[in-house]
Protein backbone atom coordinates (compact mmCIF):
# COMPACT_ATOMS: atom_id res chain seq x y z
CA UNK A 1 0.00 0.00 0.00
CA UNK A 2 1.31 3.45 -0.83
CA UNK A 3 0.72 6.22 1.66
CA UNK A 4 2.70 9.41 2.00
CA UNK A 5 1.96 12.47 4.10
CA UNK A 6 4.89 14.61 2.92
CA UNK A 7 5.15 16.29 -0.47
CA UNK A 8 8.38 18.21 -1.21
CA UNK A 9 8.13 21.29 -3.42
CA UNK A 10 10.31 23.00 -5.97
CA UNK A 11 10.40 26.54 -7.27
CA UNK A 12 8.39 28.31 -9.94
CA UNK A 13 8.48 26.99 -13.53
CA UNK A 14 6.27 29.67 -14.96
CA UNK A 15 2.95 31.39 -14.56
CA UNK A 16 -0.03 29.06 -14.21
CA UNK A 17 2.05 25.88 -14.47
CA UNK A 18 1.69 23.13 -11.90
CA UNK A 19 3.11 19.68 -12.53
CA UNK A 20 3.50 16.54 -10.47
CA UNK A 21 5.51 13.38 -10.90
CA UNK A 22 8.75 11.54 -10.36
CA UNK A 23 12.21 12.97 -10.50
CA UNK A 24 14.40 10.55 -12.43
CA UNK A 25 17.18 10.34 -14.99
CA UNK A 26 14.54 11.44 -17.48
CA UNK A 27 14.11 14.70 -15.57
CA UNK A 28 11.20 16.08 -13.59
CA UNK A 29 7.71 14.94 -14.59
CA UNK A 30 8.66 13.06 -17.78
CA UNK A 31 5.05 12.49 -18.88
CA UNK A 32 1.99 13.83 -17.01
CA UNK A 33 -1.16 12.36 -18.54
CA UNK A 34 -3.83 14.32 -16.66
CA UNK A 35 -4.18 17.99 -17.56
CA UNK A 36 -3.26 20.59 -14.90
CA UNK A 37 -6.94 21.63 -14.68
CA UNK A 38 -7.84 18.05 -13.74
CA UNK A 39 -4.86 17.75 -11.41
CA UNK A 40 -4.79 20.84 -9.21
CA UNK A 41 -8.16 22.58 -9.87
CA UNK A 42 -6.59 26.03 -9.60
CA UNK A 43 -8.56 27.21 -12.65
CA UNK A 44 -11.81 27.08 -10.61
CA UNK A 45 -13.33 24.13 -12.51
CA UNK A 46 -13.57 20.38 -11.92
CA UNK A 47 -11.42 19.73 -14.99
CA UNK A 48 -12.44 16.59 -16.88
CA UNK A 49 -13.78 14.77 -13.81
CA UNK A 50 -17.35 13.44 -13.97
CA UNK A 51 -19.48 12.11 -11.11
CA UNK A 52 -20.39 8.44 -10.74
CA UNK A 53 -22.46 6.46 -8.25
CA UNK A 54 -24.46 9.28 -6.72
CA UNK A 55 -21.78 11.91 -6.10
CA UNK A 56 -21.73 15.59 -6.97
CA UNK A 57 -18.46 17.28 -7.86
CA UNK A 58 -17.48 20.89 -7.26
CA UNK A 59 -14.39 23.05 -7.28
CA UNK A 60 -13.75 24.07 -3.67
CA UNK A 61 -11.60 26.59 -1.82
CA UNK A 62 -12.49 25.12 1.59
CA UNK A 63 -9.26 23.12 1.81
CA UNK A 64 -6.40 22.27 -0.56
CA UNK A 65 -3.14 20.32 -0.51
CA UNK A 66 -1.31 23.00 -2.51
CA UNK A 67 -2.64 26.27 -3.84
CA UNK A 68 -6.19 27.30 -2.93
CA UNK A 69 -8.47 24.85 -4.81
CA UNK A 70 -9.40 21.16 -4.68
CA UNK A 71 -12.04 18.78 -6.02
CA UNK A 72 -14.97 18.34 -3.62
CA UNK A 73 -16.77 14.96 -3.84
CA UNK A 74 -20.14 15.02 -2.03
CA UNK A 75 -22.23 11.88 -1.57
CA UNK A 76 -25.86 12.24 -2.66
CA UNK A 77 -26.66 8.58 -1.91
CA UNK A 78 -25.37 5.92 0.47
CA UNK A 79 -22.59 3.61 -0.72
CA UNK A 80 -19.45 4.05 -2.78
CA UNK A 81 -19.11 7.42 -4.52
CA UNK A 82 -16.71 8.13 -7.36
CA UNK A 83 -15.27 10.69 -9.71
CA UNK A 84 -14.05 9.54 -13.13
CA UNK A 85 -11.65 11.04 -15.67
CA UNK A 86 -12.18 9.27 -18.97
CA UNK A 87 -10.36 8.12 -22.06
CA UNK A 88 -6.92 9.61 -22.23
CA UNK A 89 -4.19 7.86 -24.25
CA UNK A 90 -1.68 5.33 -22.94
CA UNK A 91 0.88 3.02 -24.55
CA UNK A 92 0.56 -0.80 -24.55
CA UNK A 93 2.77 -2.82 -22.18
CA UNK A 94 3.89 0.30 -20.34
CA UNK A 95 4.23 0.99 -16.63
CA UNK A 96 2.17 3.86 -15.17
CA UNK A 97 1.93 5.31 -11.66
CA UNK A 98 -1.19 7.01 -10.30
CA UNK A 99 -1.23 9.34 -7.30
CA UNK A 100 -3.88 11.43 -5.55
CA UNK A 101 -4.23 13.22 -2.23
CA UNK A 102 -7.46 12.93 -0.21
CA UNK A 103 -8.88 14.81 2.79
CA UNK A 104 -12.00 14.02 4.83
CA UNK A 105 -12.93 16.91 7.13
CA UNK A 106 -15.14 15.26 9.77
CA UNK A 107 -16.13 11.67 8.90
CA UNK A 108 -13.59 8.85 8.51
CA UNK A 109 -13.89 7.29 5.08
CA UNK A 110 -11.70 4.87 3.15
CA UNK A 111 -10.66 6.10 -0.28
CA UNK A 112 -8.92 4.43 -3.20
CA UNK A 113 -7.96 4.90 -6.84
CA UNK A 114 -8.20 2.57 -9.82
CA UNK A 115 -8.23 2.67 -13.58
CA UNK A 116 -9.86 0.85 -16.49
CA UNK A 117 -7.75 0.01 -19.54
CA UNK A 118 -9.37 0.36 -22.97
CA UNK A 119 -8.42 -0.64 -26.50
CA UNK A 120 -7.92 1.60 -29.53
CA UNK A 121 -11.72 1.74 -30.04
CA UNK A 122 -12.20 2.67 -26.35
CA UNK A 123 -13.72 -0.73 -25.50
CA UNK A 124 -13.04 -1.88 -21.91
CA UNK A 125 -10.27 -4.46 -21.43
CA UNK A 126 -9.57 -4.77 -17.69
CA UNK A 127 -9.05 -2.89 -14.44
CA UNK A 128 -6.01 -2.18 -12.28
CA UNK A 129 -6.50 -1.83 -8.51
CA UNK A 130 -10.29 -2.24 -8.86
CA UNK A 131 -10.74 -3.74 -5.40
CA UNK A 132 -8.85 -0.97 -3.71
CA UNK A 133 -5.74 -2.91 -2.78
CA UNK A 134 -4.04 0.44 -2.24
CA UNK A 135 -6.88 1.88 -0.15
CA UNK A 136 -5.81 4.16 2.65
CA UNK A 137 -6.78 3.70 6.27
CA UNK A 138 -9.89 5.67 7.12
CA UNK A 139 -8.90 9.30 6.93
CA UNK A 140 -10.13 12.34 8.82
CA UNK A 141 -8.62 15.77 9.27
CA UNK A 142 -5.38 15.22 7.35
CA UNK A 143 -4.23 14.94 3.74
CA UNK A 144 -3.26 11.38 2.75
CA UNK A 145 -1.57 10.36 -0.52
CA UNK A 146 -2.56 7.14 -2.27
CA UNK A 147 -0.59 5.72 -5.18
CA UNK A 148 -0.18 2.54 -7.18
CA UNK A 149 1.59 1.36 -10.32
CA UNK A 150 0.39 -0.95 -13.07
CA UNK A 151 1.47 -2.16 -16.50
CA UNK A 152 -0.99 -1.52 -19.33
CA UNK A 153 -2.24 -4.58 -21.26
CA UNK A 154 -0.66 -5.28 -24.67
CA UNK A 155 -3.76 -3.96 -26.47
CA UNK A 156 -4.38 -0.88 -24.26
CA UNK A 157 -4.43 2.57 -25.86
CA UNK A 158 -6.73 4.46 -23.48
CA UNK A 159 -7.55 4.49 -19.80
CA UNK A 160 -10.11 5.98 -17.43
CA UNK A 161 -9.09 6.87 -13.87
CA UNK A 162 -11.41 6.69 -10.85
CA UNK A 163 -11.33 8.27 -7.38
CA UNK A 164 -13.64 6.39 -4.99
CA UNK A 165 -14.96 6.84 -1.46
CA UNK A 166 -16.17 3.68 0.30
CA UNK A 167 -19.25 3.44 2.51
CA UNK A 168 -20.30 7.06 2.21
CA UNK A 169 -23.47 8.40 3.81
CA UNK A 170 -25.62 11.09 2.19
CA UNK A 171 -23.89 14.44 2.60
CA UNK A 172 -20.40 13.08 3.27
CA UNK A 173 -17.65 15.21 1.73
CA UNK A 174 -14.14 14.18 0.68
CA UNK A 175 -11.65 16.46 -1.07
CA UNK A 176 -9.06 15.39 -3.68
CA UNK A 177 -6.07 17.35 -4.93
CA UNK A 178 -2.71 17.02 -6.74
CA UNK A 179 -3.88 14.14 -8.91
CA UNK A 180 -1.34 12.67 -11.32
CA UNK A 181 -0.99 9.74 -13.68
CA UNK A 182 2.52 9.35 -15.01
CA UNK A 183 4.39 6.98 -17.28
CA UNK A 184 6.97 5.04 -15.31
CA UNK A 185 7.51 4.57 -11.59
CA UNK A 186 9.68 6.16 -8.97
CA UNK A 187 9.21 5.99 -5.20
CA UNK A 188 6.50 8.64 -4.66
CA UNK A 189 8.35 9.83 -1.55
CA UNK A 190 10.78 11.44 -4.03
CA UNK A 191 8.04 13.11 -6.10
CA UNK A 192 8.10 16.84 -6.53
CA UNK A 193 5.59 19.63 -7.03
CA UNK A 194 6.33 22.63 -9.18
CA UNK A 195 3.86 25.45 -8.77
């Protein structure tokens, strides 16, 4: 299970630019697959995230991991609630690492991330981390990072990424921020933020 409560930062790379990912021999953030708007929410929108399973999504300034904005996921029904970012390109037989930070203000909830691989026609192939093997402990009152790595199937050309909250009650709120999906893997403890 990948959990990290520290996130080192680097200096400014330019106005309006925020990137996340591993530092490696390839340099900082070799390939970030999710757009900055869908990663840090500093533009005031929810980026390309869509609700799933009875959740509503909103851009929030209530709390953030970095900057002043985050994605607010509010349960409108009991059960698992999710946000989904759909159909961005990947390469076959390639290793990817996903990371997201979560915050639950008052109610402890377990959160996890997973993705669905798709073929060139965007037909579903399989899931990675579907059962939440990288789920965090129940979180409340602190930012927690969750990450996992997976190799794309040989016929994968697209993926959808999901953020999920388990066992939510109506009205429960969880925040997500600094979401990244990168090609390759490096220990996320060495990841950097450039804002």
